[in-house]
Amino acid sequence: MNLNTILEELRREREQIDEAILSLERLAAGSGPRRGRPPAWLKAQKSNKARPQGAGKEQPATKTAAGD
């Protein structure tokens, strides 16, 4: 390969990388707090991650022991 063609390829790649960086910076700057109710799929994902697998609602044991 010729040195000039290598330099030309590297310059094109640098331009593509710069464009990608600018796009990501715009995305990061524009993602402020959202308003309104979150979508159902997003709420389901958050609620599944917030609680460990075996930690569902616990039934109070005192009701059955002292109830009757």
PDB file of N, CA and C in Angstrom:
ATOM      1  N   MET A   1       0.835  -1.192   0.000  1.00  0.00           N
ATOM      2  CA  MET A   1       0.000   0.000   0.000  1.00  0.00           C
ATOM      3  C   MET A   1       0.874   1.249   0.000  1.00  0.00           C
ATOM      4  N   ASN A   2       0.345   2.220  -0.591  1.00  0.00           N
ATOM      5  CA  ASN A   2       1.009   3.504  -0.658  1.00  0.00           C
ATOM      6  C   ASN A   2       0.757   4.274   0.640  1.00  0.00           C
ATOM      7  N   LEU A   3       1.719   5.038   1.052  1.00  0.00           N
ATOM      8  CA  LEU A   3       1.597   5.811   2.288  1.00  0.00           C
ATOM      9  C   LEU A   3       0.458   6.822   2.195  1.00  0.00           C
ATOM     10  N   ASN A   4       0.261   7.402   1.032  1.00  0.00           N
ATOM     11  CA  ASN A   4      -0.819   8.381   0.856  1.00  0.00           C
ATOM     12  C   ASN A   4      -2.193   7.732   0.995  1.00  0.00           C
ATOM     13  N   THR A   5      -2.365   6.525   0.498  1.00  0.00           N
ATOM     14  CA  THR A   5      -3.663   5.855   0.639  1.00  0.00           C
ATOM     15  C   THR A   5      -3.932   5.477   2.089  1.00  0.00           C
ATOM     16  N   ILE A   6      -2.890   5.099   2.810  1.00  0.00           N
ATOM     17  CA  ILE A   6      -3.048   4.791   4.236  1.00  0.00           C
ATOM     18  C   ILE A   6      -3.481   6.037   4.993  1.00  0.00           C
ATOM     19  N   LEU A   7      -2.841   7.158   4.708  1.00  0.00           N
ATOM     20  CA  LEU A   7      -3.211   8.413   5.365  1.00  0.00           C
ATOM     21  C   LEU A   7      -4.642   8.810   5.021  1.00  0.00           C
ATOM     22  N   GLU A   8      -5.039   8.613   3.786  1.00  0.00           N
ATOM     23  CA  GLU A   8      -6.396   8.952   3.366  1.00  0.00           C
ATOM     24  C   GLU A   8      -7.424   8.092   4.109  1.00  0.00           C
ATOM     25  N   GLU A   9      -7.159   6.805   4.234  1.00  0.00           N
ATOM     26  CA  GLU A   9      -8.060   5.911   4.973  1.00  0.00           C
ATOM     27  C   GLU A   9      -8.159   6.311   6.437  1.00  0.00           C
ATOM     28  N   LEU A  10      -7.027   6.631   7.031  1.00  0.00           N
ATOM     29  CA  LEU A  10      -7.028   7.026   8.441  1.00  0.00           C
ATOM     30  C   LEU A  10      -7.802   8.318   8.654  1.00  0.00           C
ATOM     31  N   ARG A  11      -7.691   9.245   7.727  1.00  0.00           N
ATOM     32  CA  ARG A  11      -8.448  10.505   7.846  1.00  0.00           C
ATOM     33  C   ARG A  11      -9.947  10.247   7.750  1.00  0.00           C
ATOM     34  N   ARG A  12     -10.345   9.348   6.835  1.00  0.00           N
ATOM     35  CA  ARG A  12     -11.768   9.007   6.721  1.00  0.00           C
ATOM     36  C   ARG A  12     -12.275   8.346   7.995  1.00  0.00           C
ATOM     37  N   GLU A  13     -11.481   7.452   8.552  1.00  0.00           N
ATOM     38  CA  GLU A  13     -11.872   6.793   9.802  1.00  0.00           C
ATOM     39  C   GLU A  13     -11.968   7.797  10.946  1.00  0.00           C
ATOM     40  N   ARG A  14     -11.046   8.761  10.980  1.00  0.00           N
ATOM     41  CA  ARG A  14     -11.082   9.778  12.027  1.00  0.00           C
ATOM     42  C   ARG A  14     -12.350  10.614  11.911  1.00  0.00           C
ATOM     43  N   GLU A  15     -12.757  10.949  10.684  1.00  0.00           N
ATOM     44  CA  GLU A  15     -13.997  11.707  10.492  1.00  0.00           C
ATOM     45  C   GLU A  15     -15.203  10.907  10.983  1.00  0.00           C
ATOM     46  N   GLN A  16     -15.228   9.617  10.695  1.00  0.00           N
ATOM     47  CA  GLN A  16     -16.338   8.781  11.153  1.00  0.00           C
ATOM     48  C   GLN A  16     -16.371   8.689  12.672  1.00  0.00           C
ATOM     49  N   ILE A  17     -15.207   8.570  13.276  1.00  0.00           N
ATOM     50  CA  ILE A  17     -15.137   8.503  14.741  1.00  0.00           C
ATOM     51  C   ILE A  17     -15.587   9.822  15.351  1.00  0.00           C
ATOM     52  N   ASP A  18     -15.168  10.943  14.756  1.00  0.00           N
ATOM     53  CA  ASP A  18     -15.593  12.253  15.255  1.00  0.00           C
ATOM     54  C   ASP A  18     -17.107  12.412  15.166  1.00  0.00           C
ATOM     55  N   GLU A  19     -17.705  11.951  14.064  1.00  0.00           N
ATOM     56  CA  GLU A  19     -19.157  12.025  13.924  1.00  0.00           C
ATOM     57  C   GLU A  19     -19.854  11.162  14.976  1.00  0.00           C
ATOM     58  N   ALA A  20     -19.313   9.992  15.236  1.00  0.00           N
ATOM     59  CA  ALA A  20     -19.906   9.110  16.246  1.00  0.00           C
ATOM     60  C   ALA A  20     -19.813   9.733  17.635  1.00  0.00           C
ATOM     61  N   ILE A  21     -18.676  10.356  17.932  1.00  0.00           N
ATOM     62  CA  ILE A  21     -18.506  11.012  19.233  1.00  0.00           C
ATOM     63  C   ILE A  21     -19.498  12.153  19.381  1.00  0.00           C
ATOM     64  N   LEU A  22     -19.666  12.961  18.334  1.00  0.00           N
ATOM     65  CA  LEU A  22     -20.624  14.066  18.400  1.00  0.00           C
ATOM     66  C   LEU A  22     -22.045  13.560  18.615  1.00  0.00           C
ATOM     67  N   SER A  23     -22.404  12.488  17.937  1.00  0.00           N
ATOM     68  CA  SER A  23     -23.748  11.929  18.105  1.00  0.00           C
ATOM     69  C   SER A  23     -23.972  11.453  19.535  1.00  0.00           C
ATOM     70  N   LEU A  24     -22.983  10.776  20.097  1.00  0.00           N
ATOM     71  CA  LEU A  24     -23.114  10.298  21.475  1.00  0.00           C
ATOM     72  C   LEU A  24     -23.159  11.451  22.467  1.00  0.00           C
ATOM     73  N   GLU A  25     -22.393  12.498  22.207  1.00  0.00           N
ATOM     74  CA  GLU A  25     -22.435  13.661  23.098  1.00  0.00           C
ATOM     75  C   GLU A  25     -23.796  14.330  23.052  1.00  0.00           C
ATOM     76  N   ARG A  26     -24.399  14.415  21.869  1.00  0.00           N
ATOM     77  CA  ARG A  26     -25.742  15.001  21.756  1.00  0.00           C
ATOM     78  C   ARG A  26     -26.770  14.157  22.497  1.00  0.00           C
ATOM     79  N   LEU A  27     -26.643  12.841  22.374  1.00  0.00           N
ATOM     80  CA  LEU A  27     -27.566  11.963  23.098  1.00  0.00           C
ATOM     81  C   LEU A  27     -27.431  12.134  24.605  1.00  0.00           C
ATOM     82  N   ALA A  28     -26.205  12.232  25.084  1.00  0.00           N
ATOM     83  CA  ALA A  28     -25.974  12.370  26.522  1.00  0.00           C
ATOM     84  C   ALA A  28     -26.484  13.710  27.028  1.00  0.00           C
ATOM     85  N   ALA A  29     -26.335  14.754  26.244  1.00  0.00           N
ATOM     86  CA  ALA A  29     -26.765  16.081  26.676  1.00  0.00           C
ATOM     87  C   ALA A  29     -28.284  16.202  26.667  1.00  0.00           C
ATOM     88  N   GLY A  30     -28.943  15.513  25.757  1.00  0.00           N
ATOM     89  CA  GLY A  30     -30.384  15.646  25.625  1.00  0.00           C
ATOM     90  C   GLY A  30     -31.177  14.739  26.531  1.00  0.00           C
ATOM     91  N   SER A  31     -30.534  13.867  27.263  1.00  0.00           N
ATOM     92  CA  SER A  31     -31.286  12.918  28.080  1.00  0.00           C
ATOM     93  C   SER A  31     -31.448  13.452  29.497  1.00  0.00           C
ATOM     94  N   GLY A  32     -32.334  14.419  29.654  1.00  0.00           N
ATOM     95  CA  GLY A  32     -32.642  14.953  30.970  1.00  0.00           C
ATOM     96  C   GLY A  32     -33.741  14.132  31.607  1.00  0.00           C
ATOM     97  N   PRO A  33     -34.264  14.583  32.716  1.00  0.00           N
ATOM     98  CA  PRO A  33     -35.351  13.843  33.357  1.00  0.00           C
ATOM     99  C   PRO A  33     -36.594  13.844  32.466  1.00  0.00           C
ATOM    100  N   ARG A  34     -37.200  12.676  32.331  1.00  0.00           N
ATOM    101  CA  ARG A  34     -38.375  12.560  31.481  1.00  0.00           C
ATOM    102  C   ARG A  34     -39.616  12.918  32.275  1.00  0.00           C
ATOM    103  N   ARG A  35     -40.596  13.447  31.576  1.00  0.00           N
ATOM    104  CA  ARG A  35     -41.848  13.795  32.218  1.00  0.00           C
ATOM    105  C   ARG A  35     -42.894  12.751  31.880  1.00  0.00           C
ATOM    106  N   GLY A  36     -43.831  12.589  32.779  1.00  0.00           N
ATOM    107  CA  GLY A  36     -44.944  11.691  32.520  1.00  0.00           C
ATOM    108  C   GLY A  36     -44.711  10.278  33.021  1.00  0.00           C
ATOM    109  N   ARG A  37     -45.677   9.457  32.726  1.00  0.00           N
ATOM    110  CA  ARG A  37     -45.665   8.073  33.192  1.00  0.00           C
ATOM    111  C   ARG A  37     -44.733   7.232  32.317  1.00  0.00           C
ATOM    112  N   PRO A  38     -43.908   6.382  32.924  1.00  0.00           N
ATOM    113  CA  PRO A  38     -43.018   5.541  32.113  1.00  0.00           C
ATOM    114  C   PRO A  38     -43.809   4.450  31.388  1.00  0.00           C
ATOM    115  N   PRO A  39     -43.310   3.988  30.258  1.00  0.00           N
ATOM    116  CA  PRO A  39     -44.001   2.907  29.551  1.00  0.00           C
ATOM    117  C   PRO A  39     -44.066   1.647  30.409  1.00  0.00           C
ATOM    118  N   ALA A  40     -45.041   0.792  30.138  1.00  0.00           N
ATOM    119  CA  ALA A  40     -45.233  -0.419  30.941  1.00  0.00           C
ATOM    120  C   ALA A  40     -44.027  -1.339  30.872  1.00  0.00           C
ATOM    121  N   TRP A  41     -43.415  -1.458  29.691  1.00  0.00           N
ATOM    122  CA  TRP A  41     -42.266  -2.358  29.570  1.00  0.00           C
ATOM    123  C   TRP A  41     -41.084  -1.855  30.374  1.00  0.00           C
ATOM    124  N   LEU A  42     -40.925  -0.535  30.480  1.00  0.00           N
ATOM    125  CA  LEU A  42     -39.817   0.020  31.245  1.00  0.00           C
ATOM    126  C   LEU A  42     -40.074  -0.153  32.738  1.00  0.00           C
ATOM    127  N   LYS A  43     -41.308   0.035  33.152  1.00  0.00           N
ATOM    128  CA  LYS A  43     -41.658  -0.137  34.556  1.00  0.00           C
ATOM    129  C   LYS A  43     -41.471  -1.588  34.986  1.00  0.00           C
ATOM    130  N   ALA A  44     -41.824  -2.531  34.112  1.00  0.00           N
ATOM    131  CA  ALA A  44     -41.663  -3.953  34.427  1.00  0.00           C
ATOM    132  C   ALA A  44     -40.192  -4.317  34.565  1.00  0.00           C
ATOM    133  N   GLN A  45     -39.346  -3.764  33.728  1.00  0.00           N
ATOM    134  CA  GLN A  45     -37.917  -4.050  33.818  1.00  0.00           C
ATOM    135  C   GLN A  45     -37.340  -3.511  35.114  1.00  0.00           C
ATOM    136  N   LYS A  46     -37.726  -2.310  35.496  1.00  0.00           N
ATOM    137  CA  LYS A  46     -37.197  -1.722  36.726  1.00  0.00           C
ATOM    138  C   LYS A  46     -37.672  -2.491  37.951  1.00  0.00           C
ATOM    139  N   SER A  47     -38.949  -2.898  37.972  1.00  0.00           N
ATOM    140  CA  SER A  47     -39.461  -3.589  39.154  1.00  0.00           C
ATOM    141  C   SER A  47     -38.838  -4.975  39.294  1.00  0.00           C
ATOM    142  N   ASN A  48     -38.519  -5.636  38.197  1.00  0.00           N
ATOM    143  CA  ASN A  48     -37.881  -6.949  38.279  1.00  0.00           C
ATOM    144  C   ASN A  48     -36.463  -6.835  38.798  1.00  0.00           C
ATOM    145  N   LYS A  49     -35.765  -5.787  38.462  1.00  0.00           N
ATOM    146  CA  LYS A  49     -34.383  -5.628  38.890  1.00  0.00           C
ATOM    147  C   LYS A  49     -34.289  -5.155  40.339  1.00  0.00           C
ATOM    148  N   ALA A  50     -35.299  -4.472  40.816  1.00  0.00           N
ATOM    149  CA  ALA A  50     -35.229  -3.878  42.142  1.00  0.00           C
ATOM    150  C   ALA A  50     -35.345  -4.913  43.255  1.00  0.00           C
ATOM    151  N   ARG A  51     -35.975  -6.037  42.994  1.00  0.00           N
ATOM    152  CA  ARG A  51     -36.239  -7.022  44.030  1.00  0.00           C
ATOM    153  C   ARG A  51     -35.505  -8.325  43.723  1.00  0.00           C
ATOM    154  N   PRO A  52     -34.839  -8.914  44.701  1.00  0.00           N
ATOM    155  CA  PRO A  52     -34.202 -10.215  44.468  1.00  0.00           C
ATOM    156  C   PRO A  52     -35.244 -11.286  44.159  1.00  0.00           C
ATOM    157  N   GLN A  53     -34.827 -12.399  43.609  1.00  0.00           N
ATOM    158  CA  GLN A  53     -35.748 -13.416  43.110  1.00  0.00           C
ATOM    159  C   GLN A  53     -36.686 -13.967  44.181  1.00  0.00           C
ATOM    160  N   GLY A  54     -36.222 -14.323  45.351  1.00  0.00           N
ATOM    161  CA  GLY A  54     -37.064 -14.949  46.360  1.00  0.00           C
ATOM    162  C   GLY A  54     -37.717 -13.979  47.321  1.00  0.00           C
ATOM    163  N   ALA A  55     -37.627 -12.700  47.079  1.00  0.00           N
ATOM    164  CA  ALA A  55     -38.117 -11.713  48.035  1.00  0.00           C
ATOM    165  C   ALA A  55     -39.454 -11.136  47.597  1.00  0.00           C
ATOM    166  N   GLY A  56     -40.482 -11.943  47.530  1.00  0.00           N
ATOM    167  CA  GLY A  56     -41.814 -11.462  47.196  1.00  0.00           C
ATOM    168  C   GLY A  56     -42.480 -10.880  48.434  1.00  0.00           C
ATOM    169  N   LYS A  57     -43.799 -10.684  48.366  1.00  0.00           N
ATOM    170  CA  LYS A  57     -44.514 -10.194  49.541  1.00  0.00           C
ATOM    171  C   LYS A  57     -44.528 -11.285  50.602  1.00  0.00           C
ATOM    172  N   GLU A  58     -44.192 -10.911  51.801  1.00  0.00           N
ATOM    173  CA  GLU A  58     -44.184 -11.893  52.889  1.00  0.00           C
ATOM    174  C   GLU A  58     -45.535 -11.873  53.595  1.00  0.00           C
ATOM    175  N   GLN A  59     -46.069 -13.040  53.900  1.00  0.00           N
ATOM    176  CA  GLN A  59     -47.314 -13.149  54.634  1.00  0.00           C
ATOM    177  C   GLN A  59     -46.996 -13.108  56.126  1.00  0.00           C
ATOM    178  N   PRO A  60     -47.690 -12.288  56.871  1.00  0.00           N
ATOM    179  CA  PRO A  60     -47.416 -12.247  58.305  1.00  0.00           C
ATOM    180  C   PRO A  60     -47.808 -13.564  58.970  1.00  0.00           C
ATOM    181  N   ALA A  61     -46.904 -14.148  59.705  1.00  0.00           N
ATOM    182  CA  ALA A  61     -47.137 -15.440  60.360  1.00  0.00           C
ATOM    183  C   ALA A  61     -47.994 -15.284  61.609  1.00  0.00           C
ATOM    184  N   THR A  62     -48.109 -14.090  62.159  1.00  0.00           N
ATOM    185  CA  THR A  62     -48.860 -13.884  63.396  1.00  0.00           C
ATOM    186  C   THR A  62     -50.359 -14.025  63.188  1.00  0.00           C
ATOM    187  N   LYS A  63     -50.875 -13.776  62.001  1.00  0.00           N
ATOM    188  CA  LYS A  63     -52.305 -13.898  61.755  1.00  0.00           C
ATOM    189  C   LYS A  63     -52.770 -15.342  61.915  1.00  0.00           C
ATOM    190  N   THR A  64     -52.058 -16.267  61.347  1.00  0.00           N
ATOM    191  CA  THR A  64     -52.489 -17.663  61.400  1.00  0.00           C
ATOM    192  C   THR A  64     -52.266 -18.265  62.781  1.00  0.00           C
ATOM    193  N   ALA A  65     -51.233 -17.844  63.479  1.00  0.00           N
ATOM    194  CA  ALA A  65     -50.931 -18.430  64.784  1.00  0.00           C
ATOM    195  C   ALA A  65     -51.881 -17.909  65.858  1.00  0.00           C
ATOM    196  N   ALA A  66     -52.242 -16.648  65.829  1.00  0.00           N
ATOM    197  CA  ALA A  66     -53.060 -16.078  66.890  1.00  0.00           C
ATOM    198  C   ALA A  66     -54.495 -15.834  66.448  1.00  0.00           C
ATOM    199  N   GLY A  67     -54.856 -16.181  65.236  1.00  0.00           N
ATOM    200  CA  GLY A  67     -56.166 -15.850  64.686  1.00  0.00           C
ATOM    201  C   GLY A  67     -57.329 -16.587  65.312  1.00  0.00           C
ATOM    202  N   ASP A  68     -57.322 -17.874  65.489  1.00  0.00           N
ATOM    203  CA  ASP A  68     -58.499 -18.619  65.961  1.00  0.00           C
ATOM    204  C   ASP A  68     -58.411 -19.010  67.362  1.00  0.00           C
TER     205      ASP A  68
END
